[in-house]
Amino acid sequence: MRHDGTYVIYEIQHEQIGDNRWEFSNLDYFGYPEGFNASGRCYQETGIHGSFDYKEAKTGLKWLRKKHKDRKFRLVCVITVQKTIIMNNQFGWR
């Protein structure tokens, strides 16, 4: 995460073939739906290939399902909280 804060991020997962396990999808492999690429708002703010917008995420999921008809994809919502706490400074421990 690039900045402190609370983020609601929609990410795409796929089912691993043969073991019914769901994994976060590597979009370098499957392709980047619109809004999920490095120029998208979510990636720019957090470094995560996801979407802040549910409608955009659903469209991206449909795009991947159409492109990879032999695979199962799903949309998940990940709520992430990051808070950075300074433990020391130039004068020693606080």
PDB file of N, CA and C in Angstrom:
ATOM      1  N   MET A   1       0.849  -1.170   0.000  1.00  0.00           N
ATOM      2  CA  MET A   1       0.000   0.000   0.000  1.00  0.00           C
ATOM      3  C   MET A   1       0.899   1.239   0.000  1.00  0.00           C
ATOM      4  N   ARG A   2       0.489   2.197  -0.772  1.00  0.00           N
ATOM      5  CA  ARG A   2       1.313   3.392  -0.910  1.00  0.00           C
ATOM      6  C   ARG A   2       1.008   4.463   0.126  1.00  0.00           C
ATOM      7  N   HIS A   3      -0.241   4.477   0.622  1.00  0.00           N
ATOM      8  CA  HIS A   3      -0.649   5.527   1.556  1.00  0.00           C
ATOM      9  C   HIS A   3      -1.474   4.925   2.684  1.00  0.00           C
ATOM     10  N   ASP A   4      -1.438   5.556   3.834  1.00  0.00           N
ATOM     11  CA  ASP A   4      -2.293   5.147   4.943  1.00  0.00           C
ATOM     12  C   ASP A   4      -3.750   5.420   4.593  1.00  0.00           C
ATOM     13  N   GLY A   5      -4.625   4.617   5.145  1.00  0.00           N
ATOM     14  CA  GLY A   5      -6.050   4.835   4.939  1.00  0.00           C
ATOM     15  C   GLY A   5      -6.813   3.524   4.921  1.00  0.00           C
ATOM     16  N   THR A   6      -8.111   3.649   4.745  1.00  0.00           N
ATOM     17  CA  THR A   6      -8.996   2.503   4.608  1.00  0.00           C
ATOM     18  C   THR A   6      -9.453   2.448   3.156  1.00  0.00           C
ATOM     19  N   TYR A   7      -9.294   1.294   2.546  1.00  0.00           N
ATOM     20  CA  TYR A   7      -9.619   1.132   1.133  1.00  0.00           C
ATOM     21  C   TYR A   7     -10.570  -0.040   0.941  1.00  0.00           C
ATOM     22  N   VAL A   8     -11.593   0.166   0.136  1.00  0.00           N
ATOM     23  CA  VAL A   8     -12.500  -0.889  -0.291  1.00  0.00           C
ATOM     24  C   VAL A   8     -12.139  -1.168  -1.748  1.00  0.00           C
ATOM     25  N   ILE A   9     -11.566  -2.355  -1.980  1.00  0.00           N
ATOM     26  CA  ILE A   9     -11.025  -2.682  -3.297  1.00  0.00           C
ATOM     27  C   ILE A   9     -11.692  -3.947  -3.820  1.00  0.00           C
ATOM     28  N   TYR A  10     -12.164  -3.881  -5.050  1.00  0.00           N
ATOM     29  CA  TYR A  10     -12.728  -5.046  -5.717  1.00  0.00           C
ATOM     30  C   TYR A  10     -11.620  -5.690  -6.541  1.00  0.00           C
ATOM     31  N   GLU A  11     -11.384  -6.967  -6.266  1.00  0.00           N
ATOM     32  CA  GLU A  11     -10.335  -7.703  -6.961  1.00  0.00           C
ATOM     33  C   GLU A  11     -10.931  -8.960  -7.598  1.00  0.00           C
ATOM     34  N   ILE A  12     -10.211  -9.506  -8.544  1.00  0.00           N
ATOM     35  CA  ILE A  12     -10.681 -10.671  -9.280  1.00  0.00           C
ATOM     36  C   ILE A  12      -9.869 -11.894  -8.866  1.00  0.00           C
ATOM     37  N   GLN A  13     -10.590 -12.994  -8.626  1.00  0.00           N
ATOM     38  CA  GLN A  13      -9.968 -14.268  -8.324  1.00  0.00           C
ATOM     39  C   GLN A  13     -10.371 -15.285  -9.385  1.00  0.00           C
ATOM     40  N   HIS A  14      -9.569 -16.331  -9.512  1.00  0.00           N
ATOM     41  CA  HIS A  14      -9.905 -17.440 -10.411  1.00  0.00           C
ATOM     42  C   HIS A  14      -9.767 -18.749  -9.649  1.00  0.00           C
ATOM     43  N   GLU A  15     -10.501 -19.742 -10.118  1.00  0.00           N
ATOM     44  CA  GLU A  15     -10.426 -21.058  -9.503  1.00  0.00           C
ATOM     45  C   GLU A  15      -9.271 -21.831 -10.121  1.00  0.00           C
ATOM     46  N   GLN A  16      -8.425 -22.387  -9.270  1.00  0.00           N
ATOM     47  CA  GLN A  16      -7.322 -23.204  -9.749  1.00  0.00           C
ATOM     48  C   GLN A  16      -7.891 -24.477 -10.366  1.00  0.00           C
ATOM     49  N   ILE A  17      -7.427 -24.815 -11.529  1.00  0.00           N
ATOM     50  CA  ILE A  17      -7.913 -26.003 -12.222  1.00  0.00           C
ATOM     51  C   ILE A  17      -7.529 -27.250 -11.418  1.00  0.00           C
ATOM     52  N   GLY A  18      -8.542 -28.065 -11.126  1.00  0.00           N
ATOM     53  CA  GLY A  18      -8.304 -29.349 -10.489  1.00  0.00           C
ATOM     54  C   GLY A  18      -8.362 -29.397  -8.977  1.00  0.00           C
ATOM     55  N   ASP A  19      -8.277 -28.259  -8.287  1.00  0.00           N
ATOM     56  CA  ASP A  19      -8.283 -28.357  -6.823  1.00  0.00           C
ATOM     57  C   ASP A  19      -9.313 -27.462  -6.128  1.00  0.00           C
ATOM     58  N   ASN A  20     -10.186 -26.815  -6.881  1.00  0.00           N
ATOM     59  CA  ASN A  20     -11.279 -26.005  -6.316  1.00  0.00           C
ATOM     60  C   ASN A  20     -10.801 -24.935  -5.343  1.00  0.00           C
ATOM     61  N   ARG A  21      -9.582 -24.454  -5.523  1.00  0.00           N
ATOM     62  CA  ARG A  21      -9.032 -23.406  -4.674  1.00  0.00           C
ATOM     63  C   ARG A  21      -9.080 -22.085  -5.437  1.00  0.00           C
ATOM     64  N   TRP A  22      -9.489 -21.020  -4.770  1.00  0.00           N
ATOM     65  CA  TRP A  22      -9.558 -19.707  -5.401  1.00  0.00           C
ATOM     66  C   TRP A  22      -8.313 -18.914  -5.071  1.00  0.00           C
ATOM     67  N   GLU A  23      -7.748 -18.257  -6.097  1.00  0.00           N
ATOM     68  CA  GLU A  23      -6.529 -17.458  -5.964  1.00  0.00           C
ATOM     69  C   GLU A  23      -6.758 -16.079  -6.576  1.00  0.00           C
ATOM     70  N   PHE A  24      -6.049 -15.077  -6.070  1.00  0.00           N
ATOM     71  CA  PHE A  24      -6.098 -13.762  -6.712  1.00  0.00           C
ATOM     72  C   PHE A  24      -5.464 -13.892  -8.088  1.00  0.00           C
ATOM     73  N   SER A  25      -6.140 -13.385  -9.080  1.00  0.00           N
ATOM     74  CA  SER A  25      -5.724 -13.571 -10.467  1.00  0.00           C
ATOM     75  C   SER A  25      -4.524 -12.700 -10.817  1.00  0.00           C
ATOM     76  N   ASN A  26      -3.558 -13.311 -11.494  1.00  0.00           N
ATOM     77  CA  ASN A  26      -2.407 -12.601 -12.017  1.00  0.00           C
ATOM     78  C   ASN A  26      -2.832 -12.005 -13.360  1.00  0.00           C
ATOM     79  N   LEU A  27      -3.084 -10.712 -13.364  1.00  0.00           N
ATOM     80  CA  LEU A  27      -3.586 -10.081 -14.581  1.00  0.00           C
ATOM     81  C   LEU A  27      -2.510  -9.931 -15.645  1.00  0.00           C
ATOM     82  N   ASP A  28      -1.237 -10.101 -15.282  1.00  0.00           N
ATOM     83  CA  ASP A  28      -0.186 -10.185 -16.304  1.00  0.00           C
ATOM     84  C   ASP A  28      -0.452 -11.400 -17.193  1.00  0.00           C
ATOM     85  N   TYR A  29      -0.990 -12.447 -16.609  1.00  0.00           N
ATOM     86  CA  TYR A  29      -1.278 -13.681 -17.341  1.00  0.00           C
ATOM     87  C   TYR A  29      -2.631 -13.614 -18.058  1.00  0.00           C
ATOM     88  N   PHE A  30      -3.679 -13.200 -17.346  1.00  0.00           N
ATOM     89  CA  PHE A  30      -5.038 -13.230 -17.898  1.00  0.00           C
ATOM     90  C   PHE A  30      -5.393 -12.001 -18.743  1.00  0.00           C
ATOM     91  N   GLY A  31      -4.709 -10.901 -18.511  1.00  0.00           N
ATOM     92  CA  GLY A  31      -5.028  -9.651 -19.193  1.00  0.00           C
ATOM     93  C   GLY A  31      -5.669  -8.664 -18.228  1.00  0.00           C
ATOM     94  N   TYR A  32      -5.549  -7.404 -18.538  1.00  0.00           N
ATOM     95  CA  TYR A  32      -6.038  -6.349 -17.661  1.00  0.00           C
ATOM     96  C   TYR A  32      -7.356  -5.784 -18.168  1.00  0.00           C
ATOM     97  N   PRO A  33      -8.436  -5.997 -17.419  1.00  0.00           N
ATOM     98  CA  PRO A  33      -9.684  -5.327 -17.784  1.00  0.00           C
ATOM     99  C   PRO A  33      -9.521  -3.811 -17.616  1.00  0.00           C
ATOM    100  N   GLU A  34     -10.357  -3.066 -18.286  1.00  0.00           N
ATOM    101  CA  GLU A  34     -10.315  -1.613 -18.162  1.00  0.00           C
ATOM    102  C   GLU A  34     -10.467  -1.215 -16.695  1.00  0.00           C
ATOM    103  N   GLY A  35      -9.598  -0.314 -16.248  1.00  0.00           N
ATOM    104  CA  GLY A  35      -9.626   0.161 -14.873  1.00  0.00           C
ATOM    105  C   GLY A  35      -8.731  -0.619 -13.927  1.00  0.00           C
ATOM    106  N   PHE A  36      -8.299  -1.814 -14.314  1.00  0.00           N
ATOM    107  CA  PHE A  36      -7.471  -2.652 -13.457  1.00  0.00           C
ATOM    108  C   PHE A  36      -5.981  -2.525 -13.787  1.00  0.00           C
ATOM    109  N   ASN A  37      -5.643  -1.750 -14.796  1.00  0.00           N
ATOM    110  CA  ASN A  37      -4.243  -1.658 -15.205  1.00  0.00           C
ATOM    111  C   ASN A  37      -3.485  -0.624 -14.365  1.00  0.00           C
ATOM    112  N   ALA A  38      -2.213  -0.465 -14.644  1.00  0.00           N
ATOM    113  CA  ALA A  38      -1.357   0.413 -13.847  1.00  0.00           C
ATOM    114  C   ALA A  38      -1.763   1.883 -13.919  1.00  0.00           C
ATOM    115  N   SER A  39      -2.483   2.281 -14.953  1.00  0.00           N
ATOM    116  CA  SER A  39      -2.916   3.676 -15.034  1.00  0.00           C
ATOM    117  C   SER A  39      -4.263   3.908 -14.341  1.00  0.00           C
ATOM    118  N   GLY A  40      -4.874   2.837 -13.832  1.00  0.00           N
ATOM    119  CA  GLY A  40      -6.148   2.953 -13.124  1.00  0.00           C
ATOM    120  C   GLY A  40      -5.981   3.616 -11.762  1.00  0.00           C
ATOM    121  N   ARG A  41      -7.038   4.215 -11.276  1.00  0.00           N
ATOM    122  CA  ARG A  41      -7.012   4.959 -10.011  1.00  0.00           C
ATOM    123  C   ARG A  41      -6.579   4.084  -8.831  1.00  0.00           C
ATOM    124  N   CYS A  42      -7.105   2.862  -8.758  1.00  0.00           N
ATOM    125  CA  CYS A  42      -6.785   1.978  -7.636  1.00  0.00           C
ATOM    126  C   CYS A  42      -5.293   1.665  -7.595  1.00  0.00           C
ATOM    127  N   TYR A  43      -4.739   1.303  -8.734  1.00  0.00           N
ATOM    128  CA  TYR A  43      -3.317   0.978  -8.764  1.00  0.00           C
ATOM    129  C   TYR A  43      -2.474   2.212  -8.455  1.00  0.00           C
ATOM    130  N   GLN A  44      -2.858   3.345  -8.976  1.00  0.00           N
ATOM    131  CA  GLN A  44      -2.107   4.575  -8.731  1.00  0.00           C
ATOM    132  C   GLN A  44      -2.078   4.936  -7.245  1.00  0.00           C
ATOM    133  N   GLU A  45      -3.188   4.701  -6.540  1.00  0.00           N
ATOM    134  CA  GLU A  45      -3.255   5.073  -5.120  1.00  0.00           C
ATOM    135  C   GLU A  45      -2.727   3.999  -4.179  1.00  0.00           C
ATOM    136  N   THR A  46      -2.851   2.713  -4.568  1.00  0.00           N
ATOM    137  CA  THR A  46      -2.523   1.634  -3.634  1.00  0.00           C
ATOM    138  C   THR A  46      -1.450   0.672  -4.124  1.00  0.00           C
ATOM    139  N   GLY A  47      -1.224   0.601  -5.428  1.00  0.00           N
ATOM    140  CA  GLY A  47      -0.309  -0.392  -5.975  1.00  0.00           C
ATOM    141  C   GLY A  47      -0.969  -1.750  -6.168  1.00  0.00           C
ATOM    142  N   ILE A  48      -2.302  -1.802  -6.066  1.00  0.00           N
ATOM    143  CA  ILE A  48      -3.057  -3.041  -6.213  1.00  0.00           C
ATOM    144  C   ILE A  48      -3.856  -2.994  -7.508  1.00  0.00           C
ATOM    145  N   HIS A  49      -3.794  -4.075  -8.293  1.00  0.00           N
ATOM    146  CA  HIS A  49      -4.564  -4.166  -9.534  1.00  0.00           C
ATOM    147  C   HIS A  49      -5.990  -4.561  -9.198  1.00  0.00           C
ATOM    148  N   GLY A  50      -6.781  -3.577  -8.851  1.00  0.00           N
ATOM    149  CA  GLY A  50      -8.178  -3.766  -8.508  1.00  0.00           C
ATOM    150  C   GLY A  50      -8.948  -2.531  -8.925  1.00  0.00           C
ATOM    151  N   SER A  51     -10.144  -2.384  -8.377  1.00  0.00           N
ATOM    152  CA  SER A  51     -10.965  -1.223  -8.693  1.00  0.00           C
ATOM    153  C   SER A  51     -11.670  -0.738  -7.437  1.00  0.00           C
ATOM    154  N   PHE A  52     -11.800   0.554  -7.310  1.00  0.00           N
ATOM    155  CA  PHE A  52     -12.597   1.140  -6.229  1.00  0.00           C
ATOM    156  C   PHE A  52     -14.078   1.144  -6.594  1.00  0.00           C
ATOM    157  N   ASP A  53     -14.376   0.976  -7.859  1.00  0.00           N
ATOM    158  CA  ASP A  53     -15.743   1.110  -8.370  1.00  0.00           C
ATOM    159  C   ASP A  53     -16.351  -0.264  -8.664  1.00  0.00           C
ATOM    160  N   TYR A  54     -17.465  -0.580  -8.002  1.00  0.00           N
ATOM    161  CA  TYR A  54     -18.099  -1.887  -8.149  1.00  0.00           C
ATOM    162  C   TYR A  54     -18.577  -2.123  -9.585  1.00  0.00           C
ATOM    163  N   LYS A  55     -19.167  -1.116 -10.194  1.00  0.00           N
ATOM    164  CA  LYS A  55     -19.661  -1.274 -11.568  1.00  0.00           C
ATOM    165  C   LYS A  55     -18.506  -1.551 -12.535  1.00  0.00           C
ATOM    166  N   GLU A  56     -17.433  -0.829 -12.388  1.00  0.00           N
ATOM    167  CA  GLU A  56     -16.245  -1.058 -13.222  1.00  0.00           C
ATOM    168  C   GLU A  56     -15.692  -2.461 -12.988  1.00  0.00           C
ATOM    169  N   ALA A  57     -15.698  -2.910 -11.735  1.00  0.00           N
ATOM    170  CA  ALA A  57     -15.192  -4.243 -11.409  1.00  0.00           C
ATOM    171  C   ALA A  57     -16.061  -5.335 -12.035  1.00  0.00           C
ATOM    172  N   LYS A  58     -17.375  -5.156 -11.997  1.00  0.00           N
ATOM    173  CA  LYS A  58     -18.267  -6.140 -12.627  1.00  0.00           C
ATOM    174  C   LYS A  58     -18.026  -6.209 -14.129  1.00  0.00           C
ATOM    175  N   THR A  59     -17.813  -5.063 -14.753  1.00  0.00           N
ATOM    176  CA  THR A  59     -17.516  -5.032 -16.188  1.00  0.00           C
ATOM    177  C   THR A  59     -16.200  -5.758 -16.475  1.00  0.00           C
ATOM    178  N   GLY A  60     -15.194  -5.547 -15.629  1.00  0.00           N
ATOM    179  CA  GLY A  60     -13.915  -6.231 -15.784  1.00  0.00           C
ATOM    180  C   GLY A  60     -14.051  -7.736 -15.620  1.00  0.00           C
ATOM    181  N   LEU A  61     -14.877  -8.157 -14.672  1.00  0.00           N
ATOM    182  CA  LEU A  61     -15.117  -9.584 -14.470  1.00  0.00           C
ATOM    183  C   LEU A  61     -15.767 -10.200 -15.705  1.00  0.00           C
ATOM    184  N   LYS A  62     -16.749  -9.523 -16.268  1.00  0.00           N
ATOM    185  CA  LYS A  62     -17.415 -10.009 -17.482  1.00  0.00           C
ATOM    186  C   LYS A  62     -16.421 -10.113 -18.639  1.00  0.00           C
ATOM    187  N   TRP A  63     -15.533  -9.142 -18.740  1.00  0.00           N
ATOM    188  CA  TRP A  63     -14.523  -9.136 -19.800  1.00  0.00           C
ATOM    189  C   TRP A  63     -13.609 -10.363 -19.680  1.00  0.00           C
ATOM    190  N   LEU A  64     -13.145 -10.651 -18.448  1.00  0.00           N
ATOM    191  CA  LEU A  64     -12.273 -11.810 -18.261  1.00  0.00           C
ATOM    192  C   LEU A  64     -13.006 -13.114 -18.526  1.00  0.00           C
ATOM    193  N   ARG A  65     -14.254 -13.212 -18.086  1.00  0.00           N
ATOM    194  CA  ARG A  65     -15.026 -14.433 -18.325  1.00  0.00           C
ATOM    195  C   ARG A  65     -15.238 -14.678 -19.821  1.00  0.00           C
ATOM    196  N   LYS A  66     -15.427 -13.597 -20.566  1.00  0.00           N
ATOM    197  CA  LYS A  66     -15.611 -13.725 -22.015  1.00  0.00           C
ATOM    198  C   LYS A  66     -14.299 -14.123 -22.699  1.00  0.00           C
ATOM    199  N   LYS A  67     -13.200 -13.563 -22.230  1.00  0.00           N
ATOM    200  CA  LYS A  67     -11.889 -13.822 -22.818  1.00  0.00           C
ATOM    201  C   LYS A  67     -11.382 -15.230 -22.494  1.00  0.00           C
ATOM    202  N   HIS A  68     -11.689 -15.723 -21.299  1.00  0.00           N
ATOM    203  CA  HIS A  68     -11.208 -17.037 -20.837  1.00  0.00           C
ATOM    204  C   HIS A  68     -12.415 -17.899 -20.460  1.00  0.00           C
ATOM    205  N   LYS A  69     -13.123 -18.383 -21.443  1.00  0.00           N
ATOM    206  CA  LYS A  69     -14.359 -19.139 -21.213  1.00  0.00           C
ATOM    207  C   LYS A  69     -14.117 -20.475 -20.512  1.00  0.00           C
ATOM    208  N   ASP A  70     -12.894 -20.951 -20.546  1.00  0.00           N
ATOM    209  CA  ASP A  70     -12.562 -22.233 -19.919  1.00  0.00           C
ATOM    210  C   ASP A  70     -12.226 -22.100 -18.435  1.00  0.00           C
ATOM    211  N   ARG A  71     -12.226 -20.878 -17.897  1.00  0.00           N
ATOM    212  CA  ARG A  71     -11.847 -20.635 -16.494  1.00  0.00           C
ATOM    213  C   ARG A  71     -13.013 -20.049 -15.728  1.00  0.00           C
ATOM    214  N   LYS A  72     -12.982 -20.212 -14.404  1.00  0.00           N
ATOM    215  CA  LYS A  72     -13.987 -19.622 -13.521  1.00  0.00           C
ATOM    216  C   LYS A  72     -13.358 -18.437 -12.791  1.00  0.00           C
ATOM    217  N   PHE A  73     -14.040 -17.306 -12.841  1.00  0.00           N
ATOM    218  CA  PHE A  73     -13.594 -16.088 -12.169  1.00  0.00           C
ATOM    219  C   PHE A  73     -14.690 -15.617 -11.219  1.00  0.00           C
ATOM    220  N   ARG A  74     -14.275 -14.905 -10.191  1.00  0.00           N
ATOM    221  CA  ARG A  74     -15.236 -14.282  -9.289  1.00  0.00           C
ATOM    222  C   ARG A  74     -14.677 -12.945  -8.817  1.00  0.00           C
ATOM    223  N   LEU A  75     -15.575 -12.115  -8.323  1.00  0.00           N
ATOM    224  CA  LEU A  75     -15.220 -10.805  -7.806  1.00  0.00           C
ATOM    225  C   LEU A  75     -15.255 -10.871  -6.284  1.00  0.00           C
ATOM    226  N   VAL A  76     -14.244 -10.324  -5.640  1.00  0.00           N
ATOM    227  CA  VAL A  76     -14.215 -10.251  -4.182  1.00  0.00           C
ATOM    228  C   VAL A  76     -13.985  -8.804  -3.768  1.00  0.00           C
ATOM    229  N   CYS A  77     -14.469  -8.481  -2.593  1.00  0.00           N
ATOM    230  CA  CYS A  77     -14.266  -7.153  -2.027  1.00  0.00           C
ATOM    231  C   CYS A  77     -13.287  -7.291  -0.870  1.00  0.00           C
ATOM    232  N   VAL A  78     -12.184  -6.573  -0.944  1.00  0.00           N
ATOM    233  CA  VAL A  78     -11.168  -6.613   0.099  1.00  0.00           C
ATOM    234  C   VAL A  78     -11.146  -5.236   0.768  1.00  0.00           C
ATOM    235  N   ILE A  79     -11.354  -5.238   2.075  1.00  0.00           N
ATOM    236  CA  ILE A  79     -11.287  -3.987   2.833  1.00  0.00           C
ATOM    237  C   ILE A  79      -9.957  -3.998   3.575  1.00  0.00           C
ATOM    238  N   THR A  80      -9.115  -3.035   3.242  1.00  0.00           N
ATOM    239  CA  THR A  80      -7.763  -2.972   3.782  1.00  0.00           C
ATOM    240  C   THR A  80      -7.576  -1.671   4.544  1.00  0.00           C
ATOM    241  N   VAL A  81      -6.971  -1.788   5.717  1.00  0.00           N
ATOM    242  CA  VAL A  81      -6.670  -0.610   6.538  1.00  0.00           C
ATOM    243  C   VAL A  81      -5.169  -0.589   6.783  1.00  0.00           C
ATOM    244  N   GLN A  82      -4.579   0.550   6.524  1.00  0.00           N
ATOM    245  CA  GLN A  82      -3.153   0.708   6.796  1.00  0.00           C
ATOM    246  C   GLN A  82      -2.945   1.980   7.591  1.00  0.00           C
ATOM    247  N   LYS A  83      -2.160   1.857   8.659  1.00  0.00           N
ATOM    248  CA  LYS A  83      -1.779   3.020   9.449  1.00  0.00           C
ATOM    249  C   LYS A  83      -0.300   2.877   9.774  1.00  0.00           C
ATOM    250  N   THR A  84       0.479   3.860   9.404  1.00  0.00           N
ATOM    251  CA  THR A  84       1.903   3.856   9.674  1.00  0.00           C
ATOM    252  C   THR A  84       2.168   4.575  10.984  1.00  0.00           C
ATOM    253  N   ILE A  85       2.922   3.931  11.862  1.00  0.00           N
ATOM    254  CA  ILE A  85       3.262   4.511  13.162  1.00  0.00           C
ATOM    255  C   ILE A  85       4.770   4.685  13.213  1.00  0.00           C
ATOM    256  N   ILE A  86       5.222   5.881  13.471  1.00  0.00           N
ATOM    257  CA  ILE A  86       6.653   6.163  13.556  1.00  0.00           C
ATOM    258  C   ILE A  86       7.178   5.595  14.871  1.00  0.00           C
ATOM    259  N   MET A  87       8.174   4.733  14.765  1.00  0.00           N
ATOM    260  CA  MET A  87       8.736   4.081  15.947  1.00  0.00           C
ATOM    261  C   MET A  87       9.986   4.785  16.467  1.00  0.00           C
ATOM    262  N   ASN A  88      10.689   5.510  15.602  1.00  0.00           N
ATOM    263  CA  ASN A  88      11.856   6.250  16.055  1.00  0.00           C
ATOM    264  C   ASN A  88      12.101   7.410  15.105  1.00  0.00           C
ATOM    265  N   ASN A  89      12.980   8.283  15.511  1.00  0.00           N
ATOM    266  CA  ASN A  89      13.382   9.391  14.649  1.00  0.00           C
ATOM    267  C   ASN A  89      14.867   9.609  14.822  1.00  0.00           C
ATOM    268  N   GLN A  90      15.396  10.705  14.349  1.00  0.00           N
ATOM    269  CA  GLN A  90      16.828  10.932  14.395  1.00  0.00           C
ATOM    270  C   GLN A  90      17.368  11.079  15.830  1.00  0.00           C
ATOM    271  N   PHE A  91      16.469  11.322  16.802  1.00  0.00           N
ATOM    272  CA  PHE A  91      16.906  11.516  18.185  1.00  0.00           C
ATOM    273  C   PHE A  91      16.764  10.245  19.021  1.00  0.00           C
ATOM    274  N   GLY A  92      16.317   9.143  18.432  1.00  0.00           N
ATOM    275  CA  GLY A  92      16.178   7.892  19.166  1.00  0.00           C
ATOM    276  C   GLY A  92      14.732   7.448  19.260  1.00  0.00           C
ATOM    277  N   TRP A  93      14.503   6.426  20.057  1.00  0.00           N
ATOM    278  CA  TRP A  93      13.169   5.836  20.178  1.00  0.00           C
ATOM    279  C   TRP A  93      12.198   6.776  20.849  1.00  0.00           C
ATOM    280  N   ARG A  94      10.966   6.716  20.417  1.00  0.00           N
ATOM    281  CA  ARG A  94       9.920   7.502  21.065  1.00  0.00           C
ATOM    282  C   ARG A  94       9.253   6.684  22.115  1.00  0.00           C
TER     283      ARG A  94
END
